[in-house]
Amino acid sequence: MQCFLIGESYDAHLIRSFQELVQNFCRLIIFTSSPKICPMSIGSWLRFGANWLVPVLLSALYIPAIFLTPSSFLTPDFAPISPGSPAPLDLWSSTPPTARALGPQLGGWVLCYAFFIASFLLFENTPRTHQLVSKTNCFIMLVLWPAIWYGGIMPNADFSMAEPEIFRQLSMGEVGLGLIYFYTGFLVPLDPDDDDTQPFHPVKLH
């Protein structure tokens, strides 16, 4: 149970609690690794960090949106917004309740994806697992999402989303991440001296 320090404000307490949560999570990642030290190349380090970026970033975005500020689902951080659209709070207040509920429901599935990826990275923490996750994320970013944006949303008049809006607000970031995952998944080889069934202990470069 978290306790307030003497003279500590509520905001400072929240920040300190979040910092301790991140520190404990990092310790958990390290403690689930093998005592065997597995030196990692710069490319392997990039793959390790890029793979963890997705579950951490999605959790940081969607947990507050689901439980604290559901109106943020109608902001450019979560969805492409047409020019001239009302402010998120005004748009949210005029949205039917059934449509409002779709945001947290779909956000819950995003958290399921983040939890699924994090579980593999945490409990099957091997070089081959990281390579597979990078390849999977590459397919999601460069094939699956573009098919949804440009094949399912853009041609549909009900959404009235033009290609520049989708690319600028959403696809640009996905393409950038997809290229990183293409590099780490397909171009960064497994280190030949590593046993790919043994966990990473990413403590040094070589």
C-alpha atoms as a PDB file:
ATOM      1  CA  MET A   1       0.000   0.000   0.000  1.00  0.00           C
ATOM      2  CA  GLN A   2       1.372   3.392  -1.014  1.00  0.00           C
ATOM      3  CA  CYS A   3       1.600   6.043   1.731  1.00  0.00           C
ATOM      4  CA  PHE A   4       1.950   9.779   1.355  1.00  0.00           C
ATOM      5  CA  LEU A   5       5.251  11.315   2.419  1.00  0.00           C
ATOM      6  CA  ILE A   6       5.121  14.200   4.877  1.00  0.00           C
ATOM      7  CA  GLY A   7       4.177  17.342   2.956  1.00  0.00           C
ATOM      8  CA  GLU A   8       3.743  15.433  -0.302  1.00  0.00           C
ATOM      9  CA  SER A   9       1.014  16.641  -2.632  1.00  0.00           C
ATOM     10  CA  TYR A  10      -1.386  14.291  -4.390  1.00  0.00           C
ATOM     11  CA  ASP A  11       0.204  14.949  -7.809  1.00  0.00           C
ATOM     12  CA  ALA A  12       3.691  14.325  -6.458  1.00  0.00           C
ATOM     13  CA  HIS A  13       2.443  11.107  -4.861  1.00  0.00           C
ATOM     14  CA  LEU A  14       1.037   9.911  -8.194  1.00  0.00           C
ATOM     15  CA  ILE A  15       4.312  10.690  -9.986  1.00  0.00           C
ATOM     16  CA  ARG A  16       6.371   8.899  -7.328  1.00  0.00           C
ATOM     17  CA  SER A  17       4.041   5.882  -7.414  1.00  0.00           C
ATOM     18  CA  PHE A  18       4.323   5.680 -11.209  1.00  0.00           C
ATOM     19  CA  GLN A  19       8.132   5.892 -11.018  1.00  0.00           C
ATOM     20  CA  GLU A  20       8.223   3.066  -8.483  1.00  0.00           C
ATOM     21  CA  LEU A  21       5.897   1.002 -10.679  1.00  0.00           C
ATOM     22  CA  VAL A  22       8.215   1.423 -13.683  1.00  0.00           C
ATOM     23  CA  GLN A  23      11.276   0.568 -11.561  1.00  0.00           C
ATOM     24  CA  ASN A  24       9.641  -2.577 -10.191  1.00  0.00           C
ATOM     25  CA  PHE A  25       8.566  -3.607 -13.679  1.00  0.00           C
ATOM     26  CA  CYS A  26      12.150  -3.242 -14.943  1.00  0.00           C
ATOM     27  CA  ARG A  27      13.407  -5.303 -12.021  1.00  0.00           C
ATOM     28  CA  LEU A  28      10.872  -8.001 -12.883  1.00  0.00           C
ATOM     29  CA  ILE A  29      12.164  -8.142 -16.464  1.00  0.00           C
ATOM     30  CA  ILE A  30      15.756  -8.514 -15.246  1.00  0.00           C
ATOM     31  CA  PHE A  31      14.947 -11.113 -12.582  1.00  0.00           C
ATOM     32  CA  THR A  32      13.118 -13.345 -15.048  1.00  0.00           C
ATOM     33  CA  SER A  33      16.239 -13.444 -17.219  1.00  0.00           C
ATOM     34  CA  SER A  34      18.806 -16.178 -16.969  1.00  0.00           C
ATOM     35  CA  PRO A  35      21.916 -15.657 -14.809  1.00  0.00           C
ATOM     36  CA  LYS A  36      23.839 -16.467 -18.012  1.00  0.00           C
ATOM     37  CA  ILE A  37      25.071 -13.208 -19.505  1.00  0.00           C
ATOM     38  CA  CYS A  38      24.235 -13.035 -23.198  1.00  0.00           C
ATOM     39  CA  PRO A  39      26.192 -10.202 -24.845  1.00  0.00           C
ATOM     40  CA  MET A  40      24.005  -8.301 -27.283  1.00  0.00           C
ATOM     41  CA  SER A  41      24.957  -6.473 -30.446  1.00  0.00           C
ATOM     42  CA  ILE A  42      23.658  -2.966 -31.090  1.00  0.00           C
ATOM     43  CA  GLY A  43      21.095  -4.438 -33.498  1.00  0.00           C
ATOM     44  CA  SER A  44      19.912  -6.892 -30.836  1.00  0.00           C
ATOM     45  CA  TRP A  45      19.609  -4.037 -28.359  1.00  0.00           C
ATOM     46  CA  LEU A  46      17.523  -2.105 -30.880  1.00  0.00           C
ATOM     47  CA  ARG A  47      15.276  -5.132 -31.370  1.00  0.00           C
ATOM     48  CA  PHE A  48      14.936  -5.597 -27.604  1.00  0.00           C
ATOM     49  CA  GLY A  49      13.928  -1.962 -27.074  1.00  0.00           C
ATOM     50  CA  ALA A  50      11.650  -1.731 -30.118  1.00  0.00           C
ATOM     51  CA  ASN A  51       9.751  -4.853 -29.097  1.00  0.00           C
ATOM     52  CA  TRP A  52       9.109  -3.518 -25.609  1.00  0.00           C
ATOM     53  CA  LEU A  53       8.078  -0.117 -26.992  1.00  0.00           C
ATOM     54  CA  VAL A  54       4.727  -1.391 -28.288  1.00  0.00           C
ATOM     55  CA  PRO A  55       3.293  -2.919 -25.069  1.00  0.00           C
ATOM     56  CA  VAL A  56       4.635  -0.085 -22.900  1.00  0.00           C
ATOM     57  CA  LEU A  57       3.376   2.671 -25.215  1.00  0.00           C
ATOM     58  CA  LEU A  58      -0.042   1.082 -25.758  1.00  0.00           C
ATOM     59  CA  SER A  59      -0.504   0.515 -22.019  1.00  0.00           C
ATOM     60  CA  ALA A  60       0.478   4.111 -21.250  1.00  0.00           C
ATOM     61  CA  LEU A  61      -2.003   5.429 -23.822  1.00  0.00           C
ATOM     62  CA  TYR A  62      -4.983   3.153 -23.355  1.00  0.00           C
ATOM     63  CA  ILE A  63      -5.153   2.506 -19.610  1.00  0.00           C
ATOM     64  CA  PRO A  64      -5.789   6.201 -18.769  1.00  0.00           C
ATOM     65  CA  ALA A  65      -8.130   6.539 -21.762  1.00  0.00           C
ATOM     66  CA  ILE A  66     -10.252   3.546 -20.734  1.00  0.00           C
ATOM     67  CA  PHE A  67     -10.493   4.265 -17.032  1.00  0.00           C
ATOM     68  CA  LEU A  68     -10.046   8.045 -16.709  1.00  0.00           C
ATOM     69  CA  THR A  69     -10.648  10.038 -19.908  1.00  0.00           C
ATOM     70  CA  PRO A  70     -12.665   8.034 -22.483  1.00  0.00           C
ATOM     71  CA  SER A  71     -13.262  11.214 -24.508  1.00  0.00           C
ATOM     72  CA  SER A  72      -9.594  11.012 -25.549  1.00  0.00           C
ATOM     73  CA  PHE A  73     -10.602   8.240 -27.966  1.00  0.00           C
ATOM     74  CA  LEU A  74     -11.843  11.092 -30.167  1.00  0.00           C
ATOM     75  CA  THR A  75      -8.438  12.802 -30.379  1.00  0.00           C
ATOM     76  CA  PRO A  76      -5.696  12.436 -33.024  1.00  0.00           C
ATOM     77  CA  ASP A  77      -3.707  10.227 -30.634  1.00  0.00           C
ATOM     78  CA  PHE A  78      -6.265   7.462 -31.171  1.00  0.00           C
ATOM     79  CA  ALA A  79      -8.161   8.145 -34.393  1.00  0.00           C
ATOM     80  CA  PRO A  80      -7.869  10.238 -37.556  1.00  0.00           C
ATOM     81  CA  ILE A  81      -9.818  13.473 -37.069  1.00  0.00           C
ATOM     82  CA  SER A  82     -11.262  15.356 -40.031  1.00  0.00           C
ATOM     83  CA  PRO A  83     -10.428  19.084 -40.262  1.00  0.00           C
ATOM     84  CA  GLY A  84     -13.142  21.230 -38.735  1.00  0.00           C
ATOM     85  CA  SER A  85     -14.384  18.533 -36.351  1.00  0.00           C
ATOM     86  CA  PRO A  86     -15.748  19.722 -32.974  1.00  0.00           C
ATOM     87  CA  ALA A  87     -13.575  19.646 -29.882  1.00  0.00           C
ATOM     88  CA  PRO A  88     -13.197  16.128 -28.406  1.00  0.00           C
ATOM     89  CA  LEU A  89     -15.414  16.863 -25.376  1.00  0.00           C
ATOM     90  CA  ASP A  90     -18.156  18.380 -27.551  1.00  0.00           C
ATOM     91  CA  LEU A  91     -17.923  15.500 -29.999  1.00  0.00           C
ATOM     92  CA  TRP A  92     -18.006  12.995 -27.148  1.00  0.00           C
ATOM     93  CA  SER A  93     -21.096  14.553 -25.569  1.00  0.00           C
ATOM     94  CA  SER A  94     -22.971  14.315 -28.872  1.00  0.00           C
ATOM     95  CA  THR A  95     -21.942  10.704 -29.525  1.00  0.00           C
ATOM     96  CA  PRO A  96     -24.596   8.042 -28.790  1.00  0.00           C
ATOM     97  CA  PRO A  97     -23.816   5.914 -25.700  1.00  0.00           C
ATOM     98  CA  THR A  98     -23.518   2.728 -27.754  1.00  0.00           C
ATOM     99  CA  ALA A  99     -20.868   4.336 -29.952  1.00  0.00           C
ATOM    100  CA  ARG A 100     -19.083   5.726 -26.896  1.00  0.00           C
ATOM    101  CA  ALA A 101     -18.738   2.246 -25.448  1.00  0.00           C
ATOM    102  CA  LEU A 102     -16.881   1.087 -28.554  1.00  0.00           C
ATOM    103  CA  GLY A 103     -13.809   3.123 -27.570  1.00  0.00           C
ATOM    104  CA  PRO A 104     -13.133   1.391 -24.233  1.00  0.00           C
ATOM    105  CA  GLN A 105     -14.130  -1.997 -25.674  1.00  0.00           C
ATOM    106  CA  LEU A 106     -11.667  -1.743 -28.545  1.00  0.00           C
ATOM    107  CA  GLY A 107      -9.121  -0.254 -26.166  1.00  0.00           C
ATOM    108  CA  GLY A 108      -9.497  -3.375 -24.060  1.00  0.00           C
ATOM    109  CA  TRP A 109      -8.555  -5.501 -27.070  1.00  0.00           C
ATOM    110  CA  VAL A 110      -5.518  -3.272 -27.616  1.00  0.00           C
ATOM    111  CA  LEU A 111      -4.478  -3.968 -24.017  1.00  0.00           C
ATOM    112  CA  CYS A 112      -4.974  -7.694 -24.655  1.00  0.00           C
ATOM    113  CA  TYR A 113      -2.544  -7.435 -27.579  1.00  0.00           C
ATOM    114  CA  ALA A 114      -0.065  -5.471 -25.451  1.00  0.00           C
ATOM    115  CA  PHE A 115      -0.364  -8.012 -22.621  1.00  0.00           C
ATOM    116  CA  PHE A 116       0.100 -10.906 -25.050  1.00  0.00           C
ATOM    117  CA  ILE A 117       3.280  -9.415 -26.532  1.00  0.00           C
ATOM    118  CA  ALA A 118       4.640  -8.448 -23.103  1.00  0.00           C
ATOM    119  CA  SER A 119       4.013 -11.980 -21.792  1.00  0.00           C
ATOM    120  CA  PHE A 120       6.092 -13.509 -24.571  1.00  0.00           C
ATOM    121  CA  LEU A 121       8.888 -10.971 -24.077  1.00  0.00           C
ATOM    122  CA  LEU A 122       8.859 -11.481 -20.316  1.00  0.00           C
ATOM    123  CA  PHE A 123       8.420 -15.236 -19.936  1.00  0.00           C
ATOM    124  CA  GLU A 124       9.896 -16.481 -23.250  1.00  0.00           C
ATOM    125  CA  ASN A 125      12.731 -13.979 -23.245  1.00  0.00           C
ATOM    126  CA  THR A 126      14.920 -15.596 -25.928  1.00  0.00           C
ATOM    127  CA  PRO A 127      16.626 -14.123 -29.017  1.00  0.00           C
ATOM    128  CA  ARG A 128      14.361 -16.132 -31.316  1.00  0.00           C
ATOM    129  CA  THR A 129      11.241 -14.843 -29.519  1.00  0.00           C
ATOM    130  CA  HIS A 130      12.398 -11.252 -29.988  1.00  0.00           C
ATOM    131  CA  GLN A 131      13.089 -11.910 -33.654  1.00  0.00           C
ATOM    132  CA  LEU A 132       9.619 -13.406 -34.143  1.00  0.00           C
ATOM    133  CA  VAL A 133       7.930 -10.490 -32.349  1.00  0.00           C
ATOM    134  CA  SER A 134       9.781  -8.023 -34.594  1.00  0.00           C
ATOM    135  CA  LYS A 135       8.661  -9.900 -37.719  1.00  0.00           C
ATOM    136  CA  THR A 136       5.064  -9.994 -36.466  1.00  0.00           C
ATOM    137  CA  ASN A 137       5.061  -6.271 -35.658  1.00  0.00           C
ATOM    138  CA  CYS A 138       6.552  -5.548 -39.086  1.00  0.00           C
ATOM    139  CA  PHE A 139       3.642  -7.349 -40.752  1.00  0.00           C
ATOM    140  CA  ILE A 140       1.115  -5.515 -38.552  1.00  0.00           C
ATOM    141  CA  MET A 141       2.612  -2.070 -39.215  1.00  0.00           C
ATOM    142  CA  LEU A 142       3.405  -2.389 -42.936  1.00  0.00           C
ATOM    143  CA  VAL A 143       0.663  -4.740 -44.190  1.00  0.00           C
ATOM    144  CA  LEU A 144      -2.285  -5.157 -41.834  1.00  0.00           C
ATOM    145  CA  TRP A 145      -2.883  -1.564 -40.733  1.00  0.00           C
ATOM    146  CA  PRO A 146      -2.401  -0.023 -44.202  1.00  0.00           C
ATOM    147  CA  ALA A 147      -4.956  -2.548 -45.495  1.00  0.00           C
ATOM    148  CA  ILE A 148      -7.406  -1.344 -42.839  1.00  0.00           C
ATOM    149  CA  TRP A 149      -6.760   2.378 -43.321  1.00  0.00           C
ATOM    150  CA  TYR A 150      -6.620   2.458 -47.118  1.00  0.00           C
ATOM    151  CA  GLY A 151      -8.782  -0.554 -47.965  1.00  0.00           C
ATOM    152  CA  GLY A 152     -11.476  -0.364 -45.289  1.00  0.00           C
ATOM    153  CA  ILE A 153     -11.706   3.227 -44.055  1.00  0.00           C
ATOM    154  CA  MET A 154     -10.582   5.596 -46.815  1.00  0.00           C
ATOM    155  CA  PRO A 155     -12.904   4.294 -49.597  1.00  0.00           C
ATOM    156  CA  ASN A 156     -15.933   4.337 -47.286  1.00  0.00           C
ATOM    157  CA  ALA A 157     -17.875   7.587 -47.517  1.00  0.00           C
ATOM    158  CA  ASP A 158     -19.285   7.059 -44.020  1.00  0.00           C
ATOM    159  CA  PHE A 159     -15.864   7.875 -42.531  1.00  0.00           C
ATOM    160  CA  SER A 160     -15.020  10.814 -44.855  1.00  0.00           C
ATOM    161  CA  MET A 161     -11.294  10.371 -44.279  1.00  0.00           C
ATOM    162  CA  ALA A 162      -8.925  11.525 -47.010  1.00  0.00           C
ATOM    163  CA  GLU A 163      -5.606   9.832 -47.665  1.00  0.00           C
ATOM    164  CA  PRO A 164      -3.461  12.798 -46.465  1.00  0.00           C
ATOM    165  CA  GLU A 165      -5.301  12.869 -43.122  1.00  0.00           C
ATOM    166  CA  ILE A 166      -4.836   9.155 -42.512  1.00  0.00           C
ATOM    167  CA  PHE A 167      -1.192   9.200 -43.535  1.00  0.00           C
ATOM    168  CA  ARG A 168      -0.286  12.298 -41.530  1.00  0.00           C
ATOM    169  CA  GLN A 169      -2.164  11.389 -38.364  1.00  0.00           C
ATOM    170  CA  LEU A 170      -1.627   7.623 -38.232  1.00  0.00           C
ATOM    171  CA  SER A 171       0.226   5.869 -41.020  1.00  0.00           C
ATOM    172  CA  MET A 172       3.396   7.950 -40.788  1.00  0.00           C
ATOM    173  CA  GLY A 173       4.207   6.614 -37.326  1.00  0.00           C
ATOM    174  CA  GLU A 174       3.242   3.072 -38.236  1.00  0.00           C
ATOM    175  CA  VAL A 175       5.419   3.093 -41.343  1.00  0.00           C
ATOM    176  CA  GLY A 176       8.374   4.374 -39.310  1.00  0.00           C
ATOM    177  CA  LEU A 177       7.944   1.650 -36.701  1.00  0.00           C
ATOM    178  CA  GLY A 178       7.349  -0.938 -39.413  1.00  0.00           C
ATOM    179  CA  LEU A 179      10.676  -0.130 -41.053  1.00  0.00           C
ATOM    180  CA  ILE A 180      12.439  -0.472 -37.700  1.00  0.00           C
ATOM    181  CA  TYR A 181      10.765  -3.855 -37.165  1.00  0.00           C
ATOM    182  CA  PHE A 182      11.683  -4.921 -40.704  1.00  0.00           C
ATOM    183  CA  TYR A 183      15.313  -4.173 -39.892  1.00  0.00           C
ATOM    184  CA  THR A 184      15.315  -5.845 -36.461  1.00  0.00           C
ATOM    185  CA  GLY A 185      13.223  -8.823 -37.560  1.00  0.00           C
ATOM    186  CA  PHE A 186      14.685  -9.659 -40.963  1.00  0.00           C
ATOM    187  CA  LEU A 187      18.077  -7.961 -41.218  1.00  0.00           C
ATOM    188  CA  VAL A 188      19.509  -8.275 -37.695  1.00  0.00           C
ATOM    189  CA  PRO A 189      20.690 -11.903 -37.437  1.00  0.00           C
ATOM    190  CA  LEU A 190      20.655 -14.029 -34.342  1.00  0.00           C
ATOM    191  CA  ASP A 191      24.096 -13.973 -32.779  1.00  0.00           C
ATOM    192  CA  PRO A 192      25.805 -17.206 -33.919  1.00  0.00           C
ATOM    193  CA  ASP A 193      27.334 -17.872 -30.491  1.00  0.00           C
ATOM    194  CA  ASP A 194      24.008 -17.636 -28.670  1.00  0.00           C
ATOM    195  CA  ASP A 195      21.815 -20.533 -27.661  1.00  0.00           C
ATOM    196  CA  ASP A 196      18.491 -19.190 -28.904  1.00  0.00           C
ATOM    197  CA  THR A 197      16.641 -21.212 -26.262  1.00  0.00           C
ATOM    198  CA  GLN A 198      18.360 -19.333 -23.417  1.00  0.00           C
ATOM    199  CA  PRO A 199      16.984 -16.053 -22.072  1.00  0.00           C
ATOM    200  CA  PHE A 200      18.569 -12.704 -22.720  1.00  0.00           C
ATOM    201  CA  HIS A 201      20.352 -11.004 -19.883  1.00  0.00           C
ATOM    202  CA  PRO A 202      20.868  -7.691 -21.705  1.00  0.00           C
ATOM    203  CA  VAL A 203      23.584  -6.125 -19.607  1.00  0.00           C
ATOM    204  CA  LYS A 204      26.354  -5.365 -22.068  1.00  0.00           C
ATOM    205  CA  LEU A 205      27.095  -4.726 -25.693  1.00  0.00           C
ATOM    206  CA  HIS A 206      29.658  -6.305 -27.945  1.00  0.00           C
END
